[in-house]
Each structure stands twice: as C-alpha cells, then as structure tokens.
Amino acid sequence: MPKNDRKRYLLPTLLFAVAAVLIFVSIPLPYWEMELRAPQYPNGLHITAYVNELTGDLFEINGLNHYIGMRPLEEAAQLEKSVSRIAIGLLALLTLTSIFIHTKWVVLLALPAILMPILFLADLQWWMAKFGTELDPKAPLSSAIEPFVPTVLGRGVIAQFETIALPGTGLYLSTLASVLVIVGLYFHRKAYKPLVDAELASVSGNQ
C-alpha cells in the first residue's frame, strides 16, 4: 500500500483513538464549577460538579438555599449521577469501536461522543432551572426572592450573590474529544467512501 494511502486510513483511526482516551480520562475529573461571591463571603462559595457527585461548600450553600425554599443540591440529577461513569465509559468504547467500522454507520457510533458535552450542559441547565423556579413558598425568605434560573456558563446574579460558572477540566477534554470525532468522521469519509463506492459499483457491474 502506498505511503499516502496508509496515512489516509491511519488518520481517522488516530483521531477516534485519541478521542476515546480523552473521554475515558475525563470521567474522574471535574466537569463544571461555580463560584458565588458576596461581601459576607470574601473567599466566595464554591461548587464543583463531577459526573457522579457534587463537592465544595454544599453545607453553606444548602443552608442559604433552605431560607429561600430551594431543595438541597445533592437531590438534583440522581439518576444521571448513578449511571454516568459507566455510561461515559461505554461511550468511550463506542468511540474506539468506530475505528473498525468503515461504512457510513460509523456515524451512529460516533454521535454520542459528539453530543455528550452539549447534553451534559443541557441537563445541568435543566436541573438548575428546575431548582431555581420551584421554590417552596413556605420558606422563611420565599417572598424576598423571585424564582430564578442560574447561568450555566459565565457570570450571573442571584439576589446579593454574583455567580461565575466555568467548564471543568473534564468538560474541556470531552469537548476536545467531540471535535476530534467530528474531524475523524470527515477523514473517515474521505478515506473509505471511495472504497465503498467502488465495491458497490463492482457488485452492480456483476449483476
């Protein structure tokens, strides 16, 4: 096989393989972080979201949320957190399996990796909106704040708090993996579509 042909087939393989590794490595890393700033908290309050748990100043934040009628943050996304590590591991394996599929059906295996960062943020935004808008009207300070939707990325304001929400290392890695998979699909089509078309033409010619 000519050297240029080898490179053409090797490139999508490498891209899919690196993407799978990045997805797998992202599992134990933080996916999202939020800092809440207010004069009475000079060091801020912090939340870090992993795919299977929340960490940080949860005791203090849940205490504040209690007074405005918001449920404890740990109650959010319990199903997602319970299956996330296994699901993302399987997603990495699907991406790796894409190396061995040389037809258009490779898209079905690659699509979950492409969508994962978007789905993570969409699910996070949904839970934040749910918790921020379904406040208990019987809470001590329920009348002091209107229902709200926290900002999932960037700066926002909740009552006297300024919020800063940023992607975590895990989300950066999974997003990079998504980009690599998209690029890999482009080079996959470029490498294998001529072979598939030639095979189909040969079959048609023999009939």
N, C-alpha and C. Protein backbone atom coordinates (compact mmCIF):
# COMPACT_ATOMS: atom_id res chain seq x y z
N MET A 1 0.85 -1.19 0.00
CA MET A 1 0.00 0.00 0.00
C MET A 1 0.89 1.25 0.00
N PRO A 2 0.61 2.22 -0.88
CA PRO A 2 1.40 3.46 -0.93
C PRO A 2 1.36 4.19 0.41
N LYS A 3 2.44 4.94 0.70
CA LYS A 3 2.56 5.63 1.97
C LYS A 3 1.42 6.61 2.18
N ASN A 4 1.03 7.33 1.14
CA ASN A 4 -0.06 8.30 1.27
C ASN A 4 -1.37 7.64 1.61
N ASP A 5 -1.60 6.44 1.06
CA ASP A 5 -2.82 5.71 1.38
C ASP A 5 -2.83 5.27 2.84
N ARG A 6 -1.67 4.83 3.32
CA ARG A 6 -1.59 4.42 4.73
C ARG A 6 -1.93 5.58 5.66
N LYS A 7 -1.41 6.75 5.34
CA LYS A 7 -1.70 7.93 6.15
C LYS A 7 -3.19 8.27 6.12
N ARG A 8 -3.79 8.09 4.94
CA ARG A 8 -5.20 8.43 4.79
C ARG A 8 -6.08 7.56 5.68
N TYR A 9 -5.75 6.27 5.78
CA TYR A 9 -6.53 5.36 6.61
C TYR A 9 -6.14 5.46 8.08
N LEU A 10 -4.90 5.85 8.36
CA LEU A 10 -4.43 5.92 9.74
C LEU A 10 -4.99 7.13 10.47
N LEU A 11 -5.19 8.23 9.75
CA LEU A 11 -5.60 9.47 10.40
C LEU A 11 -6.92 9.36 11.16
N PRO A 12 -8.01 8.86 10.54
CA PRO A 12 -9.25 8.73 11.32
C PRO A 12 -9.10 7.75 12.48
N THR A 13 -8.30 6.71 12.31
CA THR A 13 -8.05 5.77 13.39
C THR A 13 -7.43 6.47 14.58
N LEU A 14 -6.42 7.28 14.33
CA LEU A 14 -5.75 8.00 15.42
C LEU A 14 -6.69 9.00 16.08
N LEU A 15 -7.47 9.70 15.29
CA LEU A 15 -8.39 10.70 15.84
C LEU A 15 -9.44 10.04 16.73
N PHE A 16 -10.02 8.94 16.29
CA PHE A 16 -11.00 8.24 17.11
C PHE A 16 -10.37 7.67 18.38
N ALA A 17 -9.16 7.15 18.26
CA ALA A 17 -8.48 6.56 19.42
C ALA A 17 -8.16 7.62 20.46
N VAL A 18 -7.64 8.76 20.03
CA VAL A 18 -7.32 9.83 20.97
C VAL A 18 -8.60 10.36 21.62
N ALA A 19 -9.67 10.50 20.84
CA ALA A 19 -10.94 10.96 21.39
C ALA A 19 -11.44 10.01 22.47
N ALA A 20 -11.35 8.70 22.21
CA ALA A 20 -11.79 7.71 23.20
C ALA A 20 -10.99 7.82 24.49
N VAL A 21 -9.68 8.02 24.36
CA VAL A 21 -8.83 8.17 25.55
C VAL A 21 -9.22 9.42 26.33
N LEU A 22 -9.45 10.53 25.64
CA LEU A 22 -9.83 11.78 26.30
C LEU A 22 -11.14 11.62 27.06
N ILE A 23 -12.10 10.95 26.45
CA ILE A 23 -13.39 10.73 27.11
C ILE A 23 -13.19 9.90 28.38
N PHE A 24 -12.41 8.84 28.27
CA PHE A 24 -12.17 7.97 29.43
C PHE A 24 -11.44 8.73 30.54
N VAL A 25 -10.44 9.50 30.17
CA VAL A 25 -9.66 10.26 31.16
C VAL A 25 -10.54 11.31 31.85
N SER A 26 -11.54 11.82 31.15
CA SER A 26 -12.39 12.88 31.71
C SER A 26 -13.28 12.40 32.86
N ILE A 27 -13.51 11.10 32.96
CA ILE A 27 -14.51 10.58 33.90
C ILE A 27 -14.27 11.03 35.34
N PRO A 28 -13.06 10.92 35.90
CA PRO A 28 -12.88 11.31 37.30
C PRO A 28 -12.60 12.80 37.51
N LEU A 29 -12.59 13.58 36.45
CA LEU A 29 -12.22 14.99 36.55
C LEU A 29 -13.47 15.88 36.69
N PRO A 30 -13.32 17.07 37.27
CA PRO A 30 -14.47 17.98 37.40
C PRO A 30 -14.96 18.44 36.03
N TYR A 31 -16.28 18.46 35.87
CA TYR A 31 -16.89 18.88 34.61
C TYR A 31 -17.39 20.32 34.65
N TRP A 32 -17.63 20.84 35.85
CA TRP A 32 -18.24 22.17 35.92
C TRP A 32 -17.96 22.75 37.30
N GLU A 33 -17.79 24.07 37.34
CA GLU A 33 -17.51 24.75 38.61
C GLU A 33 -18.28 26.05 38.68
N MET A 34 -18.72 26.38 39.89
CA MET A 34 -19.39 27.67 40.10
C MET A 34 -18.86 28.31 41.38
N GLU A 35 -18.62 29.60 41.30
CA GLU A 35 -18.24 30.38 42.48
C GLU A 35 -19.33 31.41 42.74
N LEU A 36 -19.74 31.54 43.99
CA LEU A 36 -20.70 32.55 44.41
C LEU A 36 -19.97 33.58 45.25
N ARG A 37 -20.07 34.85 44.86
CA ARG A 37 -19.37 35.92 45.55
C ARG A 37 -20.37 36.89 46.19
N ALA A 38 -20.07 37.26 47.42
CA ALA A 38 -20.87 38.25 48.14
C ALA A 38 -19.99 38.88 49.21
N PRO A 39 -20.31 40.10 49.64
CA PRO A 39 -19.46 40.78 50.65
C PRO A 39 -19.24 39.97 51.91
N GLN A 40 -20.26 39.22 52.35
CA GLN A 40 -20.12 38.45 53.59
C GLN A 40 -19.31 37.16 53.42
N TYR A 41 -18.95 36.85 52.17
CA TYR A 41 -18.12 35.67 51.90
C TYR A 41 -16.91 36.12 51.08
N PRO A 42 -15.91 36.70 51.72
CA PRO A 42 -14.77 37.27 50.97
C PRO A 42 -14.01 36.25 50.14
N ASN A 43 -14.03 34.98 50.56
CA ASN A 43 -13.35 33.94 49.79
C ASN A 43 -14.28 33.24 48.81
N GLY A 44 -15.55 33.66 48.79
CA GLY A 44 -16.53 33.05 47.91
C GLY A 44 -16.98 31.68 48.39
N LEU A 45 -18.03 31.19 47.78
CA LEU A 45 -18.52 29.83 48.00
C LEU A 45 -18.38 29.08 46.68
N HIS A 46 -17.99 27.82 46.76
CA HIS A 46 -17.65 27.08 45.54
C HIS A 46 -18.42 25.77 45.44
N ILE A 47 -18.81 25.45 44.23
CA ILE A 47 -19.41 24.15 43.90
C ILE A 47 -18.60 23.56 42.76
N THR A 48 -18.28 22.29 42.88
CA THR A 48 -17.62 21.57 41.79
C THR A 48 -18.47 20.36 41.43
N ALA A 49 -18.80 20.24 40.15
CA ALA A 49 -19.63 19.13 39.69
C ALA A 49 -18.77 18.11 38.94
N TYR A 50 -18.75 16.90 39.46
CA TYR A 50 -18.20 15.76 38.73
C TYR A 50 -19.40 15.05 38.08
N VAL A 51 -19.13 14.08 37.24
CA VAL A 51 -20.25 13.43 36.56
C VAL A 51 -21.10 12.61 37.54
N ASN A 52 -20.54 12.28 38.71
CA ASN A 52 -21.27 11.43 39.64
C ASN A 52 -21.49 12.05 41.02
N GLU A 53 -21.04 13.30 41.23
CA GLU A 53 -21.24 13.92 42.54
C GLU A 53 -20.96 15.41 42.49
N LEU A 54 -21.45 16.09 43.53
CA LEU A 54 -21.14 17.49 43.75
C LEU A 54 -20.25 17.60 44.98
N THR A 55 -19.28 18.51 44.92
CA THR A 55 -18.42 18.76 46.08
C THR A 55 -18.31 20.27 46.27
N GLY A 56 -17.71 20.67 47.38
CA GLY A 56 -17.49 22.08 47.65
C GLY A 56 -18.21 22.53 48.90
N ASP A 57 -18.61 23.80 48.91
CA ASP A 57 -19.24 24.40 50.10
C ASP A 57 -20.74 24.12 50.11
N LEU A 58 -21.09 22.84 50.01
CA LEU A 58 -22.50 22.46 49.89
C LEU A 58 -23.27 22.76 51.17
N PHE A 59 -22.65 22.56 52.32
CA PHE A 59 -23.35 22.79 53.58
C PHE A 59 -23.79 24.25 53.68
N GLU A 60 -22.88 25.16 53.39
CA GLU A 60 -23.21 26.59 53.48
C GLU A 60 -24.23 26.99 52.41
N ILE A 61 -24.03 26.48 51.18
CA ILE A 61 -24.95 26.86 50.09
C ILE A 61 -26.33 26.28 50.33
N ASN A 62 -26.41 25.02 50.77
CA ASN A 62 -27.72 24.43 51.07
C ASN A 62 -28.41 25.17 52.22
N GLY A 63 -27.61 25.64 53.18
CA GLY A 63 -28.19 26.42 54.28
C GLY A 63 -28.82 27.70 53.79
N LEU A 64 -28.13 28.39 52.89
CA LEU A 64 -28.69 29.61 52.30
C LEU A 64 -29.92 29.30 51.45
N ASN A 65 -29.81 28.23 50.66
CA ASN A 65 -30.93 27.86 49.79
C ASN A 65 -32.18 27.48 50.58
N HIS A 66 -31.96 26.90 51.76
CA HIS A 66 -33.09 26.50 52.60
C HIS A 66 -34.00 27.69 52.90
N TYR A 67 -33.42 28.84 53.15
CA TYR A 67 -34.20 30.02 53.54
C TYR A 67 -35.01 30.58 52.38
N ILE A 68 -34.61 30.31 51.14
CA ILE A 68 -35.39 30.79 50.01
C ILE A 68 -36.27 29.69 49.41
N GLY A 69 -36.20 28.49 50.01
CA GLY A 69 -37.09 27.42 49.58
C GLY A 69 -36.56 26.53 48.49
N MET A 70 -35.23 26.51 48.29
CA MET A 70 -34.65 25.62 47.28
C MET A 70 -34.23 24.30 47.93
N ARG A 71 -34.45 23.23 47.21
CA ARG A 71 -34.08 21.91 47.71
C ARG A 71 -32.56 21.75 47.79
N PRO A 72 -32.06 20.82 48.61
CA PRO A 72 -30.61 20.57 48.67
C PRO A 72 -30.06 20.19 47.30
N LEU A 73 -28.91 20.70 46.97
CA LEU A 73 -28.35 20.48 45.64
C LEU A 73 -28.07 19.01 45.34
N GLU A 74 -27.78 18.23 46.38
CA GLU A 74 -27.47 16.81 46.18
C GLU A 74 -28.66 16.03 45.61
N GLU A 75 -29.87 16.58 45.72
CA GLU A 75 -31.05 15.88 45.22
C GLU A 75 -31.19 15.97 43.70
N ALA A 76 -30.41 16.82 43.07
CA ALA A 76 -30.52 17.00 41.62
C ALA A 76 -29.82 15.87 40.87
N ALA A 77 -30.40 15.49 39.74
CA ALA A 77 -29.77 14.57 38.77
C ALA A 77 -29.30 13.27 39.41
N GLN A 78 -30.10 12.69 40.29
CA GLN A 78 -29.66 11.47 40.97
C GLN A 78 -29.50 10.30 40.00
N LEU A 79 -30.42 10.17 39.04
CA LEU A 79 -30.30 9.09 38.05
C LEU A 79 -29.04 9.27 37.21
N GLU A 80 -28.84 10.49 36.72
CA GLU A 80 -27.68 10.76 35.88
C GLU A 80 -26.38 10.45 36.62
N LYS A 81 -26.32 10.87 37.88
CA LYS A 81 -25.10 10.65 38.66
C LYS A 81 -24.85 9.16 38.93
N SER A 82 -25.92 8.41 39.05
CA SER A 82 -25.76 6.98 39.38
C SER A 82 -25.24 6.15 38.21
N VAL A 83 -25.50 6.60 36.98
CA VAL A 83 -25.10 5.80 35.81
C VAL A 83 -23.99 6.46 34.99
N SER A 84 -23.59 7.66 35.36
CA SER A 84 -22.73 8.46 34.49
C SER A 84 -21.38 7.82 34.21
N ARG A 85 -20.71 7.29 35.22
CA ARG A 85 -19.36 6.77 35.00
C ARG A 85 -19.38 5.57 34.05
N ILE A 86 -20.36 4.68 34.25
CA ILE A 86 -20.48 3.52 33.36
C ILE A 86 -20.88 3.97 31.96
N ALA A 87 -21.83 4.91 31.88
CA ALA A 87 -22.31 5.38 30.58
C ALA A 87 -21.19 6.04 29.78
N ILE A 88 -20.38 6.87 30.43
CA ILE A 88 -19.30 7.55 29.72
C ILE A 88 -18.21 6.55 29.33
N GLY A 89 -17.96 5.55 30.19
CA GLY A 89 -17.01 4.50 29.82
C GLY A 89 -17.46 3.74 28.59
N LEU A 90 -18.76 3.43 28.51
CA LEU A 90 -19.30 2.76 27.33
C LEU A 90 -19.21 3.66 26.10
N LEU A 91 -19.43 4.95 26.32
CA LEU A 91 -19.33 5.91 25.22
C LEU A 91 -17.90 5.93 24.66
N ALA A 92 -16.92 5.87 25.55
CA ALA A 92 -15.53 5.82 25.10
C ALA A 92 -15.27 4.56 24.28
N LEU A 93 -15.86 3.43 24.71
CA LEU A 93 -15.70 2.18 23.96
C LEU A 93 -16.37 2.26 22.60
N LEU A 94 -17.53 2.91 22.53
CA LEU A 94 -18.20 3.10 21.24
C LEU A 94 -17.32 3.90 20.29
N THR A 95 -16.71 4.94 20.83
CA THR A 95 -15.83 5.77 20.00
C THR A 95 -14.64 4.95 19.51
N LEU A 96 -14.10 4.11 20.37
CA LEU A 96 -12.98 3.26 19.98
C LEU A 96 -13.41 2.25 18.92
N THR A 97 -14.63 1.74 19.06
CA THR A 97 -15.16 0.77 18.09
C THR A 97 -15.32 1.39 16.71
N SER A 98 -15.49 2.71 16.66
CA SER A 98 -15.62 3.39 15.37
C SER A 98 -14.44 3.14 14.45
N ILE A 99 -13.29 2.83 15.04
CA ILE A 99 -12.09 2.55 14.25
C ILE A 99 -12.32 1.39 13.29
N PHE A 100 -13.15 0.43 13.70
CA PHE A 100 -13.30 -0.81 12.94
C PHE A 100 -14.50 -0.80 12.00
N ILE A 101 -15.24 0.31 11.97
CA ILE A 101 -16.39 0.43 11.08
C ILE A 101 -16.01 1.32 9.91
N HIS A 102 -16.11 0.79 8.70
CA HIS A 102 -15.62 1.52 7.52
C HIS A 102 -16.76 1.95 6.60
N THR A 103 -17.96 2.00 7.13
CA THR A 103 -19.12 2.42 6.34
C THR A 103 -19.74 3.65 6.99
N LYS A 104 -20.83 4.13 6.39
CA LYS A 104 -21.49 5.33 6.90
C LYS A 104 -22.10 5.11 8.29
N TRP A 105 -22.26 3.84 8.70
CA TRP A 105 -22.86 3.55 10.00
C TRP A 105 -21.94 3.95 11.15
N VAL A 106 -20.71 4.32 10.84
CA VAL A 106 -19.79 4.80 11.87
C VAL A 106 -20.37 6.03 12.59
N VAL A 107 -21.21 6.77 11.89
CA VAL A 107 -21.79 7.98 12.49
C VAL A 107 -22.62 7.63 13.72
N LEU A 108 -23.31 6.51 13.68
CA LEU A 108 -24.14 6.11 14.82
C LEU A 108 -23.29 5.84 16.06
N LEU A 109 -22.10 5.30 15.87
CA LEU A 109 -21.22 5.05 17.00
C LEU A 109 -20.55 6.33 17.49
N ALA A 110 -20.30 7.24 16.58
CA ALA A 110 -19.58 8.47 16.92
C ALA A 110 -20.50 9.55 17.49
N LEU A 111 -21.77 9.49 17.15
CA LEU A 111 -22.69 10.58 17.53
C LEU A 111 -22.76 10.82 19.04
N PRO A 112 -22.83 9.77 19.89
CA PRO A 112 -22.89 10.04 21.34
C PRO A 112 -21.71 10.86 21.85
N ALA A 113 -20.51 10.60 21.35
CA ALA A 113 -19.34 11.37 21.78
C ALA A 113 -19.45 12.82 21.35
N ILE A 114 -20.03 13.06 20.18
CA ILE A 114 -20.19 14.43 19.69
C ILE A 114 -21.18 15.19 20.56
N LEU A 115 -22.25 14.51 20.97
CA LEU A 115 -23.33 15.18 21.70
C LEU A 115 -23.09 15.28 23.20
N MET A 116 -22.18 14.49 23.76
CA MET A 116 -22.06 14.40 25.21
C MET A 116 -21.85 15.75 25.90
N PRO A 117 -20.90 16.60 25.47
CA PRO A 117 -20.72 17.88 26.17
C PRO A 117 -21.99 18.75 26.15
N ILE A 118 -22.68 18.74 25.01
CA ILE A 118 -23.90 19.54 24.89
C ILE A 118 -24.98 18.98 25.82
N LEU A 119 -25.12 17.66 25.85
CA LEU A 119 -26.13 17.04 26.70
C LEU A 119 -25.83 17.27 28.18
N PHE A 120 -24.55 17.24 28.54
CA PHE A 120 -24.18 17.50 29.94
C PHE A 120 -24.63 18.90 30.36
N LEU A 121 -24.30 19.90 29.54
CA LEU A 121 -24.67 21.27 29.87
C LEU A 121 -26.19 21.47 29.83
N ALA A 122 -26.86 20.83 28.89
CA ALA A 122 -28.31 20.95 28.79
C ALA A 122 -28.99 20.34 30.02
N ASP A 123 -28.49 19.19 30.46
CA ASP A 123 -29.07 18.55 31.64
C ASP A 123 -28.79 19.40 32.89
N LEU A 124 -27.58 19.93 32.99
CA LEU A 124 -27.24 20.78 34.13
C LEU A 124 -28.12 22.02 34.15
N GLN A 125 -28.31 22.65 32.99
CA GLN A 125 -29.16 23.84 32.92
C GLN A 125 -30.60 23.51 33.30
N TRP A 126 -31.08 22.34 32.88
CA TRP A 126 -32.46 21.94 33.20
C TRP A 126 -32.64 21.81 34.70
N TRP A 127 -31.70 21.15 35.37
CA TRP A 127 -31.81 20.98 36.82
C TRP A 127 -31.67 22.31 37.55
N MET A 128 -30.78 23.18 37.09
CA MET A 128 -30.63 24.49 37.72
C MET A 128 -31.91 25.31 37.58
N ALA A 129 -32.52 25.23 36.40
CA ALA A 129 -33.78 25.95 36.18
C ALA A 129 -34.89 25.36 37.06
N LYS A 130 -34.93 24.04 37.15
CA LYS A 130 -35.95 23.38 37.95
C LYS A 130 -35.83 23.77 39.42
N PHE A 131 -34.62 23.73 39.95
CA PHE A 131 -34.42 24.06 41.36
C PHE A 131 -34.64 25.55 41.61
N GLY A 132 -34.26 26.39 40.64
CA GLY A 132 -34.39 27.83 40.84
C GLY A 132 -35.79 28.37 40.67
N THR A 133 -36.65 27.63 39.99
CA THR A 133 -38.02 28.11 39.74
C THR A 133 -39.07 27.39 40.58
N GLU A 134 -38.70 26.27 41.18
CA GLU A 134 -39.65 25.53 42.03
C GLU A 134 -39.29 25.73 43.50
N LEU A 135 -39.39 26.98 43.94
CA LEU A 135 -39.07 27.32 45.32
C LEU A 135 -40.26 27.08 46.23
N ASP A 136 -39.98 26.67 47.45
CA ASP A 136 -41.02 26.40 48.44
C ASP A 136 -41.61 27.72 48.93
N PRO A 137 -42.89 27.98 48.67
CA PRO A 137 -43.48 29.26 49.10
C PRO A 137 -43.57 29.41 50.62
N LYS A 138 -43.38 28.31 51.36
CA LYS A 138 -43.46 28.36 52.82
C LYS A 138 -42.10 28.64 53.47
N ALA A 139 -41.07 28.77 52.66
CA ALA A 139 -39.72 29.03 53.19
C ALA A 139 -39.68 30.40 53.87
N PRO A 140 -38.80 30.57 54.86
CA PRO A 140 -38.76 31.83 55.63
C PRO A 140 -38.57 33.08 54.78
N LEU A 141 -37.74 33.00 53.74
CA LEU A 141 -37.46 34.18 52.92
C LEU A 141 -38.00 34.02 51.50
N SER A 142 -39.05 33.25 51.34
CA SER A 142 -39.58 32.98 49.99
C SER A 142 -40.05 34.26 49.30
N SER A 143 -40.52 35.22 50.07
CA SER A 143 -41.02 36.46 49.47
C SER A 143 -39.90 37.43 49.13
N ALA A 144 -38.67 37.11 49.56
CA ALA A 144 -37.55 38.04 49.35
C ALA A 144 -36.88 37.85 47.99
N ILE A 145 -37.21 36.78 47.28
CA ILE A 145 -36.54 36.50 46.01
C ILE A 145 -37.54 35.88 45.03
N GLU A 146 -37.46 36.32 43.81
CA GLU A 146 -38.29 35.76 42.75
C GLU A 146 -37.65 34.47 42.24
N PRO A 147 -38.46 33.56 41.68
CA PRO A 147 -37.86 32.38 41.03
C PRO A 147 -36.82 32.80 40.00
N PHE A 148 -35.76 32.03 39.86
CA PHE A 148 -34.64 32.43 39.02
C PHE A 148 -34.05 31.22 38.32
N VAL A 149 -33.30 31.49 37.27
CA VAL A 149 -32.59 30.44 36.54
C VAL A 149 -31.10 30.80 36.54
N PRO A 150 -30.28 30.08 37.30
CA PRO A 150 -28.84 30.40 37.32
C PRO A 150 -28.21 30.22 35.95
N THR A 151 -27.15 30.97 35.73
CA THR A 151 -26.42 30.90 34.47
C THR A 151 -25.50 29.69 34.47
N VAL A 152 -25.62 28.84 33.46
CA VAL A 152 -24.83 27.60 33.44
C VAL A 152 -23.38 27.86 33.07
N LEU A 153 -23.11 28.91 32.29
CA LEU A 153 -21.75 29.31 31.95
C LEU A 153 -21.68 30.83 31.94
N GLY A 154 -20.61 31.37 32.51
CA GLY A 154 -20.45 32.80 32.53
C GLY A 154 -20.89 33.42 33.85
N ARG A 155 -21.09 34.73 33.82
CA ARG A 155 -21.45 35.48 35.02
C ARG A 155 -22.96 35.65 35.13
N GLY A 156 -23.44 35.66 36.37
CA GLY A 156 -24.85 35.88 36.63
C GLY A 156 -25.02 36.50 38.00
N VAL A 157 -26.28 36.77 38.36
CA VAL A 157 -26.60 37.36 39.66
C VAL A 157 -27.78 36.61 40.25
N ILE A 158 -27.63 36.20 41.52
CA ILE A 158 -28.72 35.60 42.29
C ILE A 158 -28.81 36.35 43.59
N ALA A 159 -29.87 37.16 43.75
CA ALA A 159 -30.03 38.01 44.93
C ALA A 159 -28.76 38.86 45.10
N GLN A 160 -28.12 38.77 46.28
CA GLN A 160 -26.91 39.58 46.51
C GLN A 160 -25.65 38.89 46.06
N PHE A 161 -25.78 37.71 45.44
CA PHE A 161 -24.60 36.94 45.02
C PHE A 161 -24.32 37.16 43.54
N GLU A 162 -23.05 37.33 43.23
CA GLU A 162 -22.58 37.24 41.85
C GLU A 162 -22.11 35.82 41.62
N THR A 163 -22.51 35.21 40.52
CA THR A 163 -22.11 33.83 40.22
C THR A 163 -21.19 33.81 39.01
N ILE A 164 -20.20 32.95 39.08
CA ILE A 164 -19.29 32.73 37.96
C ILE A 164 -19.23 31.23 37.71
N ALA A 165 -19.74 30.80 36.57
CA ALA A 165 -19.79 29.37 36.23
C ALA A 165 -18.84 29.10 35.08
N LEU A 166 -18.01 28.07 35.25
CA LEU A 166 -16.98 27.75 34.26
C LEU A 166 -16.95 26.26 33.96
N PRO A 167 -16.53 25.89 32.76
CA PRO A 167 -16.33 24.46 32.48
C PRO A 167 -15.17 23.93 33.31
N GLY A 168 -15.27 22.65 33.70
CA GLY A 168 -14.17 21.99 34.37
C GLY A 168 -13.26 21.28 33.37
N THR A 169 -12.18 20.74 33.89
CA THR A 169 -11.21 20.05 33.03
C THR A 169 -11.85 18.91 32.26
N GLY A 170 -12.73 18.16 32.92
CA GLY A 170 -13.39 17.03 32.26
C GLY A 170 -14.23 17.47 31.07
N LEU A 171 -14.93 18.59 31.22
CA LEU A 171 -15.76 19.08 30.12
C LEU A 171 -14.90 19.58 28.97
N TYR A 172 -13.77 20.21 29.29
CA TYR A 172 -12.85 20.63 28.23
C TYR A 172 -12.35 19.41 27.45
N LEU A 173 -11.99 18.34 28.16
CA LEU A 173 -11.48 17.15 27.49
C LEU A 173 -12.56 16.50 26.63
N SER A 174 -13.79 16.40 27.16
CA SER A 174 -14.86 15.77 26.38
C SER A 174 -15.23 16.63 25.17
N THR A 175 -15.12 17.95 25.31
CA THR A 175 -15.39 18.83 24.17
C THR A 175 -14.31 18.67 23.10
N LEU A 176 -13.06 18.57 23.53
CA LEU A 176 -11.97 18.32 22.58
C LEU A 176 -12.18 16.98 21.89
N ALA A 177 -12.61 15.97 22.65
CA ALA A 177 -12.90 14.66 22.06
C ALA A 177 -14.00 14.77 21.02
N SER A 178 -15.01 15.56 21.31
CA SER A 178 -16.11 15.76 20.35
C SER A 178 -15.60 16.36 19.05
N VAL A 179 -14.72 17.35 19.16
CA VAL A 179 -14.14 17.99 17.97
C VAL A 179 -13.30 16.98 17.18
N LEU A 180 -12.51 16.18 17.90
CA LEU A 180 -11.68 15.18 17.22
C LEU A 180 -12.53 14.15 16.49
N VAL A 181 -13.64 13.77 17.08
CA VAL A 181 -14.53 12.80 16.44
C VAL A 181 -15.12 13.40 15.16
N ILE A 182 -15.53 14.67 15.21
CA ILE A 182 -16.07 15.31 14.01
C ILE A 182 -15.03 15.35 12.90
N VAL A 183 -13.80 15.74 13.25
CA VAL A 183 -12.72 15.76 12.27
C VAL A 183 -12.43 14.35 11.78
N GLY A 184 -12.46 13.39 12.70
CA GLY A 184 -12.23 11.99 12.33
C GLY A 184 -13.27 11.48 11.34
N LEU A 185 -14.52 11.88 11.53
CA LEU A 185 -15.57 11.48 10.59
C LEU A 185 -15.32 12.04 9.20
N TYR A 186 -14.82 13.26 9.14
CA TYR A 186 -14.51 13.87 7.84
C TYR A 186 -13.44 13.04 7.11
N PHE A 187 -12.35 12.73 7.81
CA PHE A 187 -11.27 11.98 7.18
C PHE A 187 -11.66 10.52 6.96
N HIS A 188 -12.54 10.01 7.81
CA HIS A 188 -13.05 8.64 7.62
C HIS A 188 -13.81 8.55 6.30
N ARG A 189 -14.68 9.51 6.06
CA ARG A 189 -15.45 9.52 4.81
C ARG A 189 -14.51 9.69 3.61
N LYS A 190 -13.53 10.56 3.77
CA LYS A 190 -12.59 10.80 2.68
C LYS A 190 -11.79 9.55 2.34
N ALA A 191 -11.48 8.75 3.37
CA ALA A 191 -10.65 7.56 3.15
C ALA A 191 -11.46 6.38 2.63
N TYR A 192 -12.65 6.15 3.22
CA TYR A 192 -13.34 4.89 2.96
C TYR A 192 -14.49 4.98 1.96
N LYS A 193 -15.05 6.18 1.74
CA LYS A 193 -16.17 6.27 0.80
C LYS A 193 -15.78 5.81 -0.60
N PRO A 194 -14.60 6.19 -1.12
CA PRO A 194 -14.24 5.68 -2.45
C PRO A 194 -14.18 4.16 -2.51
N LEU A 195 -13.74 3.51 -1.43
CA LEU A 195 -13.69 2.04 -1.40
C LEU A 195 -15.09 1.44 -1.43
N VAL A 196 -15.98 2.03 -0.61
CA VAL A 196 -17.36 1.53 -0.57
C VAL A 196 -18.04 1.74 -1.91
N ASP A 197 -17.84 2.91 -2.50
CA ASP A 197 -18.46 3.19 -3.81
C ASP A 197 -17.92 2.23 -4.87
N ALA A 198 -16.61 1.96 -4.83
CA ALA A 198 -16.02 1.05 -5.81
C ALA A 198 -16.57 -0.36 -5.63
N GLU A 199 -16.76 -0.77 -4.40
CA GLU A 199 -17.30 -2.11 -4.14
C GLU A 199 -18.74 -2.22 -4.62
N LEU A 200 -19.53 -1.17 -4.37
CA LEU A 200 -20.92 -1.17 -4.84
C LEU A 200 -20.99 -1.17 -6.36
N ALA A 201 -20.08 -0.42 -7.00
CA ALA A 201 -20.05 -0.39 -8.46
C ALA A 201 -19.66 -1.76 -9.01
N SER A 202 -18.76 -2.43 -8.32
CA SER A 202 -18.34 -3.77 -8.78
C SER A 202 -19.47 -4.77 -8.66
N VAL A 203 -20.20 -4.69 -7.55
CA VAL A 203 -21.36 -5.58 -7.36
C VAL A 203 -22.42 -5.33 -8.41
N SER A 204 -22.68 -4.04 -8.70
CA SER A 204 -23.69 -3.70 -9.71
C SER A 204 -23.26 -4.17 -11.09
N GLY A 205 -21.96 -4.08 -11.38
CA GLY A 205 -21.45 -4.49 -12.69
C GLY A 205 -21.52 -5.99 -12.89
N ASN A 206 -21.46 -6.77 -11.82
CA ASN A 206 -21.51 -8.21 -11.91
C ASN A 206 -22.92 -8.76 -12.00
N GLN A 207 -23.89 -7.91 -11.78
CA GLN A 207 -25.29 -8.40 -11.82
C GLN A 207 -25.83 -8.38 -13.26
